[in-house]
């Protein structure tokens, strides 16, 4: 029983670490997808939490039942061989784009916040990530078991600070900002994008776990954890929305009043969130490309890092800003089929 719960915690933490990235840590994702909708954004978070629990678990169970080595096998099952192949190619392109953006983000973090070279940040992070993922899924599980509790602690500090310094009664009267869009569609797009991205890790993770109940418990832990983190960040945003809405890194407004030590903790958490997304993306890409590029998995991973580093120097993250919405719509089809398709026998 103890072993099952430990494995479930690792699954849940890996799920959280795969979904949560730099956009989450900065507060920008929470702001755009939820907080701009006022009270309805809170309902959107509840809907998202239910979908993260349900569909994330189904995705891992499909990987388990198909014994899938990569996300392409699940896409073939969902869409059929021909369409599934093209969906997987699009997923791979976007994963590479996000990987490039994550690497460029680490360089910017080191350069702007710590005063070190952009190249030191990118290369140092890439080398460390490579050392983790050559250990396979065990390495990904282990690093998420270390980093995700730090993320949860950081969000808890944000929540405690908001509780102590603000009047929560005002939350009941919150109105949406002057923001076009629908709260429910925004919540669905958020879940769709992140689950489509998480395929790269959740599918092979499910295949490596022998017990279905362990997967189900892990799915609950991951989904509930994501929901709580979203809710805490959303409340902190809502209490200062008029100030937050103009900032590139809204969470910085909360951090700056907590002292220099918390600021450094914030930078560590932000780097950790980038790191967990990075290792998940590269692992998933390598698993999917292994049969098409027969150079050995370790060399293939190194090649992905080298190419991503090269593209990060060319400003490739700009392209990702166009791919994200398209990937969200693609994710809508994936979650729709996750709902209607029966689990493999």
C-alpha atoms as a PDB file:
ATOM      1  CA  UNK A   1       0.000   0.000   0.000  1.00  0.00           C
ATOM      2  CA  UNK A   2       2.802   2.417   0.919  1.00  0.00           C
ATOM      3  CA  UNK A   3       4.597   1.654  -2.348  1.00  0.00           C
ATOM      4  CA  UNK A   4       1.384   2.323  -4.335  1.00  0.00           C
ATOM      5  CA  UNK A   5       0.944   5.748  -2.715  1.00  0.00           C
ATOM      6  CA  UNK A   6       4.585   6.675  -3.278  1.00  0.00           C
ATOM      7  CA  UNK A   7       4.290   5.755  -6.953  1.00  0.00           C
ATOM      8  CA  UNK A   8       0.982   7.634  -7.186  1.00  0.00           C
ATOM      9  CA  UNK A   9       2.602  10.740  -5.713  1.00  0.00           C
ATOM     10  CA  UNK A  10       5.402  10.514  -8.269  1.00  0.00           C
ATOM     11  CA  UNK A  11       2.837  10.199 -11.078  1.00  0.00           C
ATOM     12  CA  UNK A  12       0.838  13.151  -9.739  1.00  0.00           C
ATOM     13  CA  UNK A  13       3.923  15.333  -9.332  1.00  0.00           C
ATOM     14  CA  UNK A  14       5.125  14.416 -12.827  1.00  0.00           C
ATOM     15  CA  UNK A  15       1.693  15.319 -14.223  1.00  0.00           C
ATOM     16  CA  UNK A  16       1.839  18.722 -12.479  1.00  0.00           C
ATOM     17  CA  UNK A  17       5.436  19.357 -13.525  1.00  0.00           C
ATOM     18  CA  UNK A  18       4.663  18.534 -17.161  1.00  0.00           C
ATOM     19  CA  UNK A  19       1.675  20.904 -17.336  1.00  0.00           C
ATOM     20  CA  UNK A  20       3.124  23.790 -15.341  1.00  0.00           C
ATOM     21  CA  UNK A  21       5.636  25.964 -17.197  1.00  0.00           C
ATOM     22  CA  UNK A  22       7.103  29.455 -17.090  1.00  0.00           C
ATOM     23  CA  UNK A  23       3.800  30.991 -18.201  1.00  0.00           C
ATOM     24  CA  UNK A  24       2.180  29.576 -15.067  1.00  0.00           C
ATOM     25  CA  UNK A  25       4.923  30.783 -12.719  1.00  0.00           C
ATOM     26  CA  UNK A  26       4.833  34.288 -14.179  1.00  0.00           C
ATOM     27  CA  UNK A  27       1.063  34.425 -13.637  1.00  0.00           C
ATOM     28  CA  UNK A  28       0.388  35.285 -17.273  1.00  0.00           C
ATOM     29  CA  UNK A  29      -1.436  32.020 -18.070  1.00  0.00           C
ATOM     30  CA  UNK A  30      -3.694  32.289 -15.023  1.00  0.00           C
ATOM     31  CA  UNK A  31      -4.444  35.923 -15.835  1.00  0.00           C
ATOM     32  CA  UNK A  32      -5.302  35.383 -19.510  1.00  0.00           C
ATOM     33  CA  UNK A  33      -7.246  32.125 -19.216  1.00  0.00           C
ATOM     34  CA  UNK A  34      -9.085  32.711 -15.927  1.00  0.00           C
ATOM     35  CA  UNK A  35      -8.620  35.923 -13.932  1.00  0.00           C
ATOM     36  CA  UNK A  36      -9.804  38.298 -16.661  1.00  0.00           C
ATOM     37  CA  UNK A  37     -13.223  36.610 -16.444  1.00  0.00           C
ATOM     38  CA  UNK A  38     -13.778  37.596 -12.796  1.00  0.00           C
ATOM     39  CA  UNK A  39     -16.039  35.244 -10.834  1.00  0.00           C
ATOM     40  CA  UNK A  40     -16.595  33.112 -13.935  1.00  0.00           C
ATOM     41  CA  UNK A  41     -12.860  32.438 -14.016  1.00  0.00           C
ATOM     42  CA  UNK A  42     -13.245  30.645 -10.668  1.00  0.00           C
ATOM     43  CA  UNK A  43     -15.925  28.406 -12.193  1.00  0.00           C
ATOM     44  CA  UNK A  44     -13.584  27.873 -15.150  1.00  0.00           C
ATOM     45  CA  UNK A  45     -10.875  26.617 -12.785  1.00  0.00           C
ATOM     46  CA  UNK A  46     -13.326  24.135 -11.258  1.00  0.00           C
ATOM     47  CA  UNK A  47     -14.246  22.850 -14.726  1.00  0.00           C
ATOM     48  CA  UNK A  48     -10.550  22.629 -15.659  1.00  0.00           C
ATOM     49  CA  UNK A  49      -9.750  20.672 -12.483  1.00  0.00           C
ATOM     50  CA  UNK A  50     -12.425  18.056 -13.226  1.00  0.00           C
ATOM     51  CA  UNK A  51     -11.156  17.699 -16.818  1.00  0.00           C
ATOM     52  CA  UNK A  52      -7.513  17.452 -15.715  1.00  0.00           C
ATOM     53  CA  UNK A  53      -8.428  14.626 -13.314  1.00  0.00           C
ATOM     54  CA  UNK A  54     -10.667  12.758 -15.744  1.00  0.00           C
ATOM     55  CA  UNK A  55      -8.878  13.168 -19.075  1.00  0.00           C
ATOM     56  CA  UNK A  56      -5.313  13.045 -17.752  1.00  0.00           C
ATOM     57  CA  UNK A  57      -6.139   9.728 -16.096  1.00  0.00           C
ATOM     58  CA  UNK A  58      -7.753   8.407 -19.304  1.00  0.00           C
ATOM     59  CA  UNK A  59      -4.676   9.402 -21.305  1.00  0.00           C
ATOM     60  CA  UNK A  60      -2.375   7.507 -18.925  1.00  0.00           C
ATOM     61  CA  UNK A  61      -4.708   4.494 -18.916  1.00  0.00           C
ATOM     62  CA  UNK A  62      -4.690   4.444 -22.738  1.00  0.00           C
ATOM     63  CA  UNK A  63      -0.904   4.471 -22.674  1.00  0.00           C
ATOM     64  CA  UNK A  64      -0.996   1.629 -20.134  1.00  0.00           C
ATOM     65  CA  UNK A  65      -3.507  -0.526 -22.037  1.00  0.00           C
ATOM     66  CA  UNK A  66      -1.833   0.047 -25.431  1.00  0.00           C
ATOM     67  CA  UNK A  67       1.643  -0.319 -23.875  1.00  0.00           C
ATOM     68  CA  UNK A  68       2.503   2.725 -25.977  1.00  0.00           C
ATOM     69  CA  UNK A  69       6.133   3.764 -26.233  1.00  0.00           C
ATOM     70  CA  UNK A  70       5.194   7.238 -27.552  1.00  0.00           C
ATOM     71  CA  UNK A  71       2.241   9.584 -27.960  1.00  0.00           C
ATOM     72  CA  UNK A  72       1.946   8.637 -31.659  1.00  0.00           C
ATOM     73  CA  UNK A  73       0.470   5.254 -30.775  1.00  0.00           C
ATOM     74  CA  UNK A  74      -2.332   6.868 -28.771  1.00  0.00           C
ATOM     75  CA  UNK A  75      -2.991   9.378 -31.578  1.00  0.00           C
ATOM     76  CA  UNK A  76      -3.278   6.473 -34.019  1.00  0.00           C
ATOM     77  CA  UNK A  77      -5.815   4.865 -31.701  1.00  0.00           C
ATOM     78  CA  UNK A  78      -7.797   8.114 -31.321  1.00  0.00           C
ATOM     79  CA  UNK A  79      -7.715   9.402 -34.922  1.00  0.00           C
ATOM     80  CA  UNK A  80      -6.887   6.354 -37.023  1.00  0.00           C
ATOM     81  CA  UNK A  81      -3.554   5.632 -38.734  1.00  0.00           C
ATOM     82  CA  UNK A  82      -3.572   8.342 -41.424  1.00  0.00           C
ATOM     83  CA  UNK A  83      -4.915  11.345 -39.480  1.00  0.00           C
ATOM     84  CA  UNK A  84      -3.157  10.232 -36.297  1.00  0.00           C
ATOM     85  CA  UNK A  85       0.175  10.316 -38.122  1.00  0.00           C
ATOM     86  CA  UNK A  86      -0.323  13.969 -39.161  1.00  0.00           C
ATOM     87  CA  UNK A  87      -1.584  14.933 -35.712  1.00  0.00           C
ATOM     88  CA  UNK A  88       1.588  13.451 -34.215  1.00  0.00           C
ATOM     89  CA  UNK A  89       3.768  15.392 -36.666  1.00  0.00           C
ATOM     90  CA  UNK A  90       2.031  18.630 -35.667  1.00  0.00           C
ATOM     91  CA  UNK A  91       2.400  17.749 -31.977  1.00  0.00           C
ATOM     92  CA  UNK A  92       6.108  17.071 -32.553  1.00  0.00           C
ATOM     93  CA  UNK A  93       6.668  20.415 -34.314  1.00  0.00           C
ATOM     94  CA  UNK A  94       4.949  22.309 -31.525  1.00  0.00           C
ATOM     95  CA  UNK A  95       6.786  20.367 -28.811  1.00  0.00           C
ATOM     96  CA  UNK A  96      10.057  21.361 -30.470  1.00  0.00           C
ATOM     97  CA  UNK A  97       8.883  24.977 -30.658  1.00  0.00           C
ATOM     98  CA  UNK A  98       7.971  25.009 -26.966  1.00  0.00           C
ATOM     99  CA  UNK A  99      11.286  23.290 -26.132  1.00  0.00           C
ATOM    100  CA  UNK A 100      13.107  26.086 -27.950  1.00  0.00           C
ATOM    101  CA  UNK A 101      11.061  28.696 -26.092  1.00  0.00           C
ATOM    102  CA  UNK A 102      11.827  27.030 -22.739  1.00  0.00           C
ATOM    103  CA  UNK A 103      15.565  27.055 -23.483  1.00  0.00           C
ATOM    104  CA  UNK A 104      15.476  30.690 -24.584  1.00  0.00           C
ATOM    105  CA  UNK A 105      13.525  31.458 -21.412  1.00  0.00           C
ATOM    106  CA  UNK A 106      16.247  29.972 -19.208  1.00  0.00           C
ATOM    107  CA  UNK A 107      18.828  32.099 -21.007  1.00  0.00           C
ATOM    108  CA  UNK A 108      16.760  35.245 -20.464  1.00  0.00           C
ATOM    109  CA  UNK A 109      16.253  34.351 -16.802  1.00  0.00           C
ATOM    110  CA  UNK A 110      19.986  33.947 -16.203  1.00  0.00           C
ATOM    111  CA  UNK A 111      20.845  37.088 -18.168  1.00  0.00           C
ATOM    112  CA  UNK A 112      18.179  39.470 -16.831  1.00  0.00           C
ATOM    113  CA  UNK A 113      17.743  38.299 -13.253  1.00  0.00           C
ATOM    114  CA  UNK A 114      21.093  36.776 -12.250  1.00  0.00           C
ATOM    115  CA  UNK A 115      23.494  38.740 -14.455  1.00  0.00           C
ATOM    116  CA  UNK A 116      25.077  35.715 -16.162  1.00  0.00           C
ATOM    117  CA  UNK A 117      25.416  35.093 -19.894  1.00  0.00           C
ATOM    118  CA  UNK A 118      22.395  33.958 -21.924  1.00  0.00           C
ATOM    119  CA  UNK A 119      24.534  31.086 -23.251  1.00  0.00           C
ATOM    120  CA  UNK A 120      25.506  29.961 -19.743  1.00  0.00           C
ATOM    121  CA  UNK A 121      21.823  29.690 -18.825  1.00  0.00           C
ATOM    122  CA  UNK A 122      20.813  27.780 -21.959  1.00  0.00           C
ATOM    123  CA  UNK A 123      23.800  25.429 -22.165  1.00  0.00           C
ATOM    124  CA  UNK A 124      23.926  24.790 -18.418  1.00  0.00           C
ATOM    125  CA  UNK A 125      20.222  23.949 -18.293  1.00  0.00           C
ATOM    126  CA  UNK A 126      20.484  21.743 -21.398  1.00  0.00           C
ATOM    127  CA  UNK A 127      23.405  19.751 -19.955  1.00  0.00           C
ATOM    128  CA  UNK A 128      21.613  19.232 -16.643  1.00  0.00           C
ATOM    129  CA  UNK A 129      18.385  18.244 -18.440  1.00  0.00           C
ATOM    130  CA  UNK A 130      20.300  15.759 -20.601  1.00  0.00           C
ATOM    131  CA  UNK A 131      21.824  14.158 -17.495  1.00  0.00           C
ATOM    132  CA  UNK A 132      18.321  13.704 -16.069  1.00  0.00           C
ATOM    133  CA  UNK A 133      16.515  12.311 -19.112  1.00  0.00           C
ATOM    134  CA  UNK A 134      19.165   9.758 -20.112  1.00  0.00           C
ATOM    135  CA  UNK A 135      17.974   7.957 -16.964  1.00  0.00           C
ATOM    136  CA  UNK A 136      14.617   7.561 -18.717  1.00  0.00           C
ATOM    137  CA  UNK A 137      11.268   7.845 -16.971  1.00  0.00           C
ATOM    138  CA  UNK A 138      12.925   7.206 -13.602  1.00  0.00           C
ATOM    139  CA  UNK A 139      14.894  10.435 -13.973  1.00  0.00           C
ATOM    140  CA  UNK A 140      11.788  12.432 -14.930  1.00  0.00           C
ATOM    141  CA  UNK A 141       9.824  11.029 -11.978  1.00  0.00           C
ATOM    142  CA  UNK A 142      12.674  11.806  -9.574  1.00  0.00           C
ATOM    143  CA  UNK A 143      13.211  15.421 -10.663  1.00  0.00           C
ATOM    144  CA  UNK A 144       9.481  16.155 -10.530  1.00  0.00           C
ATOM    145  CA  UNK A 145       9.300  14.639  -7.039  1.00  0.00           C
ATOM    146  CA  UNK A 146      11.897  17.265  -6.052  1.00  0.00           C
ATOM    147  CA  UNK A 147      10.719  20.326  -8.010  1.00  0.00           C
ATOM    148  CA  UNK A 148       6.910  20.094  -7.758  1.00  0.00           C
ATOM    149  CA  UNK A 149       6.789  20.293  -3.923  1.00  0.00           C
ATOM    150  CA  UNK A 150       8.782  23.550  -4.249  1.00  0.00           C
ATOM    151  CA  UNK A 151       6.163  24.833  -6.705  1.00  0.00           C
ATOM    152  CA  UNK A 152       3.373  23.884  -4.286  1.00  0.00           C
ATOM    153  CA  UNK A 153       5.198  25.581  -1.390  1.00  0.00           C
ATOM    154  CA  UNK A 154       5.650  28.730  -3.465  1.00  0.00           C
ATOM    155  CA  UNK A 155       1.936  28.876  -4.306  1.00  0.00           C
ATOM    156  CA  UNK A 156       1.107  28.257  -0.631  1.00  0.00           C
ATOM    157  CA  UNK A 157       3.238  31.277   0.345  1.00  0.00           C
ATOM    158  CA  UNK A 158       1.355  33.362  -2.233  1.00  0.00           C
ATOM    159  CA  UNK A 159      -1.950  32.172  -0.783  1.00  0.00           C
ATOM    160  CA  UNK A 160      -0.954  32.910   2.827  1.00  0.00           C
ATOM    161  CA  UNK A 161       0.247  36.394   1.884  1.00  0.00           C
ATOM    162  CA  UNK A 162      -2.993  37.142   0.029  1.00  0.00           C
ATOM    163  CA  UNK A 163      -5.029  35.883   2.987  1.00  0.00           C
ATOM    164  CA  UNK A 164      -3.159  38.129   5.443  1.00  0.00           C
ATOM    165  CA  UNK A 165      -3.151  41.313   3.410  1.00  0.00           C
ATOM    166  CA  UNK A 166      -6.465  41.435   1.531  1.00  0.00           C
ATOM    167  CA  UNK A 167     -10.206  41.436   2.160  1.00  0.00           C
ATOM    168  CA  UNK A 168     -11.560  38.244   0.619  1.00  0.00           C
ATOM    169  CA  UNK A 169     -15.167  39.411   0.823  1.00  0.00           C
ATOM    170  CA  UNK A 170     -14.557  41.444  -2.333  1.00  0.00           C
ATOM    171  CA  UNK A 171     -14.122  38.235  -4.364  1.00  0.00           C
ATOM    172  CA  UNK A 172     -17.873  37.632  -4.322  1.00  0.00           C
ATOM    173  CA  UNK A 173     -18.484  40.940  -6.134  1.00  0.00           C
ATOM    174  CA  UNK A 174     -15.845  40.511  -8.818  1.00  0.00           C
ATOM    175  CA  UNK A 175     -16.884  41.420 -12.342  1.00  0.00           C
ATOM    176  CA  UNK A 176     -15.125  40.380 -15.571  1.00  0.00           C
ATOM    177  CA  UNK A 177     -12.668  42.916 -16.985  1.00  0.00           C
ATOM    178  CA  UNK A 178     -13.165  44.495 -20.399  1.00  0.00           C
ATOM    179  CA  UNK A 179     -12.136  41.239 -22.012  1.00  0.00           C
ATOM    180  CA  UNK A 180     -13.606  39.586 -25.066  1.00  0.00           C
ATOM    181  CA  UNK A 181     -14.125  35.859 -25.056  1.00  0.00           C
ATOM    182  CA  UNK A 182     -16.034  33.178 -23.211  1.00  0.00           C
ATOM    183  CA  UNK A 183     -14.902  31.835 -19.839  1.00  0.00           C
ATOM    184  CA  UNK A 184     -15.874  28.243 -20.629  1.00  0.00           C
ATOM    185  CA  UNK A 185     -14.156  28.191 -24.021  1.00  0.00           C
ATOM    186  CA  UNK A 186     -11.056  29.712 -22.385  1.00  0.00           C
ATOM    187  CA  UNK A 187     -11.000  26.999 -19.711  1.00  0.00           C
ATOM    188  CA  UNK A 188     -11.487  24.239 -22.308  1.00  0.00           C
ATOM    189  CA  UNK A 189      -8.702  25.679 -24.496  1.00  0.00           C
ATOM    190  CA  UNK A 190      -6.358  25.764 -21.495  1.00  0.00           C
ATOM    191  CA  UNK A 191      -7.014  22.110 -20.673  1.00  0.00           C
ATOM    192  CA  UNK A 192      -6.839  21.067 -24.335  1.00  0.00           C
ATOM    193  CA  UNK A 193      -3.494  22.761 -24.960  1.00  0.00           C
ATOM    194  CA  UNK A 194      -1.896  21.390 -21.803  1.00  0.00           C
ATOM    195  CA  UNK A 195      -3.178  17.829 -22.220  1.00  0.00           C
ATOM    196  CA  UNK A 196      -2.039  17.754 -25.835  1.00  0.00           C
ATOM    197  CA  UNK A 197       1.380  18.943 -24.671  1.00  0.00           C
ATOM    198  CA  UNK A 198       1.419  16.432 -21.806  1.00  0.00           C
ATOM    199  CA  UNK A 199       0.905  13.490 -24.167  1.00  0.00           C
ATOM    200  CA  UNK A 200       4.665  13.321 -24.566  1.00  0.00           C
ATOM    201  CA  UNK A 201       5.076  12.259 -20.917  1.00  0.00           C
ATOM    202  CA  UNK A 202       1.704  10.930 -19.749  1.00  0.00           C
ATOM    203  CA  UNK A 203       1.402   8.254 -22.461  1.00  0.00           C
ATOM    204  CA  UNK A 204       4.775   6.508 -21.884  1.00  0.00           C
ATOM    205  CA  UNK A 205       4.368   7.087 -18.125  1.00  0.00           C
ATOM    206  CA  UNK A 206       1.101   5.124 -18.175  1.00  0.00           C
ATOM    207  CA  UNK A 207       2.782   2.358 -20.156  1.00  0.00           C
ATOM    208  CA  UNK A 208       5.486   1.958 -17.505  1.00  0.00           C
ATOM    209  CA  UNK A 209       3.073   1.673 -14.557  1.00  0.00           C
ATOM    210  CA  UNK A 210       1.792  -1.870 -14.014  1.00  0.00           C
ATOM    211  CA  UNK A 211      -1.145  -1.078 -11.722  1.00  0.00           C
ATOM    212  CA  UNK A 212      -4.209   0.799 -13.042  1.00  0.00           C
ATOM    213  CA  UNK A 213      -5.305   1.939  -9.564  1.00  0.00           C
ATOM    214  CA  UNK A 214      -1.924   3.588  -9.039  1.00  0.00           C
ATOM    215  CA  UNK A 215      -2.486   5.509 -12.282  1.00  0.00           C
ATOM    216  CA  UNK A 216      -5.976   6.581 -11.168  1.00  0.00           C
ATOM    217  CA  UNK A 217      -4.740   7.839  -7.790  1.00  0.00           C
ATOM    218  CA  UNK A 218      -1.865   9.648  -9.516  1.00  0.00           C
ATOM    219  CA  UNK A 219      -4.329  11.282 -11.921  1.00  0.00           C
ATOM    220  CA  UNK A 220      -6.390  12.555  -8.991  1.00  0.00           C
ATOM    221  CA  UNK A 221      -3.317  13.902  -7.206  1.00  0.00           C
ATOM    222  CA  UNK A 222      -2.103  15.662 -10.359  1.00  0.00           C
ATOM    223  CA  UNK A 223      -5.499  17.095 -11.328  1.00  0.00           C
ATOM    224  CA  UNK A 224      -6.366  18.332  -7.832  1.00  0.00           C
ATOM    225  CA  UNK A 225      -2.869  19.778  -7.384  1.00  0.00           C
ATOM    226  CA  UNK A 226      -3.159  21.697 -10.655  1.00  0.00           C
ATOM    227  CA  UNK A 227      -6.601  22.979  -9.660  1.00  0.00           C
ATOM    228  CA  UNK A 228      -5.401  24.216  -6.256  1.00  0.00           C
ATOM    229  CA  UNK A 229      -2.398  25.984  -7.786  1.00  0.00           C
ATOM    230  CA  UNK A 230      -4.628  27.644 -10.380  1.00  0.00           C
ATOM    231  CA  UNK A 231      -7.114  28.731  -7.706  1.00  0.00           C
ATOM    232  CA  UNK A 232      -4.478  30.235  -5.387  1.00  0.00           C
ATOM    233  CA  UNK A 233      -2.853  32.131  -8.256  1.00  0.00           C
ATOM    234  CA  UNK A 234      -6.269  33.273  -9.529  1.00  0.00           C
ATOM    235  CA  UNK A 235      -7.299  34.663  -6.115  1.00  0.00           C
ATOM    236  CA  UNK A 236      -3.978  36.507  -5.751  1.00  0.00           C
ATOM    237  CA  UNK A 237      -4.523  38.016  -9.212  1.00  0.00           C
ATOM    238  CA  UNK A 238      -8.122  39.016  -8.566  1.00  0.00           C
ATOM    239  CA  UNK A 239      -7.258  40.919  -5.409  1.00  0.00           C
ATOM    240  CA  UNK A 240      -4.997  43.247  -7.433  1.00  0.00           C
ATOM    241  CA  UNK A 241      -6.371  42.795 -10.927  1.00  0.00           C
ATOM    242  CA  UNK A 242      -6.295  46.496 -11.830  1.00  0.00           C
ATOM    243  CA  UNK A 243      -2.515  46.495 -11.277  1.00  0.00           C
ATOM    244  CA  UNK A 244      -1.784  42.968 -12.525  1.00  0.00           C
ATOM    245  CA  UNK A 245      -3.453  43.414 -15.905  1.00  0.00           C
ATOM    246  CA  UNK A 246      -0.719  45.732 -17.257  1.00  0.00           C
ATOM    247  CA  UNK A 247       2.282  43.586 -16.255  1.00  0.00           C
ATOM    248  CA  UNK A 248       4.236  41.035 -18.329  1.00  0.00           C
ATOM    249  CA  UNK A 249       4.970  39.058 -15.143  1.00  0.00           C
ATOM    250  CA  UNK A 250       1.917  39.690 -12.949  1.00  0.00           C
ATOM    251  CA  UNK A 251       3.189  37.473 -10.120  1.00  0.00           C
ATOM    252  CA  UNK A 252       6.126  39.867  -9.689  1.00  0.00           C
ATOM    253  CA  UNK A 253       3.746  42.358  -8.032  1.00  0.00           C
ATOM    254  CA  UNK A 254       3.033  39.829  -5.280  1.00  0.00           C
ATOM    255  CA  UNK A 255       6.658  38.762  -4.972  1.00  0.00           C
ATOM    256  CA  UNK A 256       8.225  42.212  -4.629  1.00  0.00           C
ATOM    257  CA  UNK A 257       6.608  42.870  -1.238  1.00  0.00           C
ATOM    258  CA  UNK A 258       7.756  39.533   0.223  1.00  0.00           C
ATOM    259  CA  UNK A 259      11.469  40.339   0.299  1.00  0.00           C
ATOM    260  CA  UNK A 260      14.645  39.442  -1.587  1.00  0.00           C
ATOM    261  CA  UNK A 261      14.737  35.885  -0.274  1.00  0.00           C
ATOM    262  CA  UNK A 262      11.283  35.092  -1.679  1.00  0.00           C
ATOM    263  CA  UNK A 263      12.287  36.720  -4.957  1.00  0.00           C
ATOM    264  CA  UNK A 264      15.208  34.290  -5.286  1.00  0.00           C
ATOM    265  CA  UNK A 265      12.869  31.436  -4.377  1.00  0.00           C
ATOM    266  CA  UNK A 266      10.512  32.650  -7.120  1.00  0.00           C
ATOM    267  CA  UNK A 267      13.358  32.602  -9.665  1.00  0.00           C
ATOM    268  CA  UNK A 268      14.304  29.081  -8.562  1.00  0.00           C
ATOM    269  CA  UNK A 269      10.695  27.912  -8.919  1.00  0.00           C
ATOM    270  CA  UNK A 270      10.356  29.587 -12.316  1.00  0.00           C
ATOM    271  CA  UNK A 271      13.534  27.871 -13.518  1.00  0.00           C
ATOM    272  CA  UNK A 272      12.288  24.567 -12.075  1.00  0.00           C
ATOM    273  CA  UNK A 273       8.987  24.867 -13.925  1.00  0.00           C
ATOM    274  CA  UNK A 274      10.832  25.542 -17.180  1.00  0.00           C
ATOM    275  CA  UNK A 275      13.140  22.602 -16.458  1.00  0.00           C
ATOM    276  CA  UNK A 276      10.368  20.058 -15.811  1.00  0.00           C
ATOM    277  CA  UNK A 277       8.559  21.086 -19.010  1.00  0.00           C
ATOM    278  CA  UNK A 278      11.831  20.931 -20.953  1.00  0.00           C
ATOM    279  CA  UNK A 279      12.762  17.406 -19.895  1.00  0.00           C
ATOM    280  CA  UNK A 280       9.229  16.162 -20.575  1.00  0.00           C
ATOM    281  CA  UNK A 281       9.184  17.641 -24.074  1.00  0.00           C
ATOM    282  CA  UNK A 282      12.604  16.306 -25.081  1.00  0.00           C
ATOM    283  CA  UNK A 283      11.885  12.851 -23.652  1.00  0.00           C
ATOM    284  CA  UNK A 284       8.593  12.664 -25.552  1.00  0.00           C
ATOM    285  CA  UNK A 285      10.121  13.926 -28.787  1.00  0.00           C
ATOM    286  CA  UNK A 286      12.973  11.434 -28.587  1.00  0.00           C
ATOM    287  CA  UNK A 287      10.577   8.546 -27.873  1.00  0.00           C
ATOM    288  CA  UNK A 288       8.516   9.486 -30.931  1.00  0.00           C
ATOM    289  CA  UNK A 289      11.482  10.037 -33.282  1.00  0.00           C
ATOM    290  CA  UNK A 290      13.498   7.010 -32.177  1.00  0.00           C
ATOM    291  CA  UNK A 291      12.207   4.702 -34.919  1.00  0.00           C
ATOM    292  CA  UNK A 292      12.495   7.353 -37.670  1.00  0.00           C
ATOM    293  CA  UNK A 293      15.983   8.602 -36.689  1.00  0.00           C
ATOM    294  CA  UNK A 294      18.019   5.479 -35.826  1.00  0.00           C
ATOM    295  CA  UNK A 295      21.021   7.113 -34.120  1.00  0.00           C
ATOM    296  CA  UNK A 296      20.395   5.846 -30.588  1.00  0.00           C
ATOM    297  CA  UNK A 297      18.204   7.517 -27.986  1.00  0.00           C
ATOM    298  CA  UNK A 298      20.989   9.329 -26.125  1.00  0.00           C
ATOM    299  CA  UNK A 299      22.434  10.820 -29.315  1.00  0.00           C
ATOM    300  CA  UNK A 300      18.941  11.759 -30.484  1.00  0.00           C
ATOM    301  CA  UNK A 301      18.259  13.624 -27.226  1.00  0.00           C
ATOM    302  CA  UNK A 302      21.567  15.448 -27.537  1.00  0.00           C
ATOM    303  CA  UNK A 303      20.716  16.354 -31.150  1.00  0.00           C
ATOM    304  CA  UNK A 304      17.332  17.789 -30.058  1.00  0.00           C
ATOM    305  CA  UNK A 305      19.045  19.964 -27.434  1.00  0.00           C
ATOM    306  CA  UNK A 306      21.639  21.204 -29.948  1.00  0.00           C
ATOM    307  CA  UNK A 307      18.982  22.082 -32.547  1.00  0.00           C
ATOM    308  CA  UNK A 308      16.797  23.789 -29.941  1.00  0.00           C
ATOM    309  CA  UNK A 309      19.786  25.837 -28.768  1.00  0.00           C
ATOM    310  CA  UNK A 310      20.523  26.913 -32.340  1.00  0.00           C
ATOM    311  CA  UNK A 311      16.910  27.968 -32.969  1.00  0.00           C
ATOM    312  CA  UNK A 312      16.733  29.811 -29.641  1.00  0.00           C
ATOM    313  CA  UNK A 313      19.479  32.136 -30.930  1.00  0.00           C
ATOM    314  CA  UNK A 314      17.323  33.013 -33.949  1.00  0.00           C
ATOM    315  CA  UNK A 315      14.355  34.177 -31.921  1.00  0.00           C
ATOM    316  CA  UNK A 316      12.314  31.084 -32.656  1.00  0.00           C
ATOM    317  CA  UNK A 317      10.006  31.635 -29.611  1.00  0.00           C
ATOM    318  CA  UNK A 318       8.143  34.221 -31.705  1.00  0.00           C
ATOM    319  CA  UNK A 319       6.914  31.368 -33.885  1.00  0.00           C
ATOM    320  CA  UNK A 320       5.542  29.586 -30.825  1.00  0.00           C
ATOM    321  CA  UNK A 321       3.186  32.503 -30.157  1.00  0.00           C
ATOM    322  CA  UNK A 322       1.455  31.552 -33.415  1.00  0.00           C
ATOM    323  CA  UNK A 323       1.629  27.802 -32.812  1.00  0.00           C
ATOM    324  CA  UNK A 324       0.073  27.949 -29.312  1.00  0.00           C
ATOM    325  CA  UNK A 325      -3.475  28.851 -30.471  1.00  0.00           C
ATOM    326  CA  UNK A 326      -3.334  26.275 -33.281  1.00  0.00           C
ATOM    327  CA  UNK A 327      -2.119  23.668 -30.837  1.00  0.00           C
ATOM    328  CA  UNK A 328      -4.981  24.544 -28.496  1.00  0.00           C
ATOM    329  CA  UNK A 329      -7.511  23.866 -31.264  1.00  0.00           C
ATOM    330  CA  UNK A 330      -5.748  20.603 -32.126  1.00  0.00           C
ATOM    331  CA  UNK A 331      -5.940  19.735 -28.437  1.00  0.00           C
ATOM    332  CA  UNK A 332      -9.718  20.253 -28.553  1.00  0.00           C
ATOM    333  CA  UNK A 333     -10.003  17.351 -31.001  1.00  0.00           C
ATOM    334  CA  UNK A 334      -7.731  15.236 -28.813  1.00  0.00           C
ATOM    335  CA  UNK A 335      -9.795  15.765 -25.648  1.00  0.00           C
ATOM    336  CA  UNK A 336     -13.053  15.257 -27.580  1.00  0.00           C
ATOM    337  CA  UNK A 337     -11.823  11.850 -28.757  1.00  0.00           C
ATOM    338  CA  UNK A 338     -10.478  11.048 -25.278  1.00  0.00           C
ATOM    339  CA  UNK A 339     -14.053  11.510 -24.057  1.00  0.00           C
ATOM    340  CA  UNK A 340     -15.881   9.505 -26.741  1.00  0.00           C
ATOM    341  CA  UNK A 341     -13.376   6.728 -27.453  1.00  0.00           C
ATOM    342  CA  UNK A 342     -13.619   3.629 -25.303  1.00  0.00           C
ATOM    343  CA  UNK A 343     -10.516   2.539 -23.472  1.00  0.00           C
ATOM    344  CA  UNK A 344      -8.631  -0.230 -25.330  1.00  0.00           C
ATOM    345  CA  UNK A 345      -9.617  -3.737 -24.291  1.00  0.00           C
END
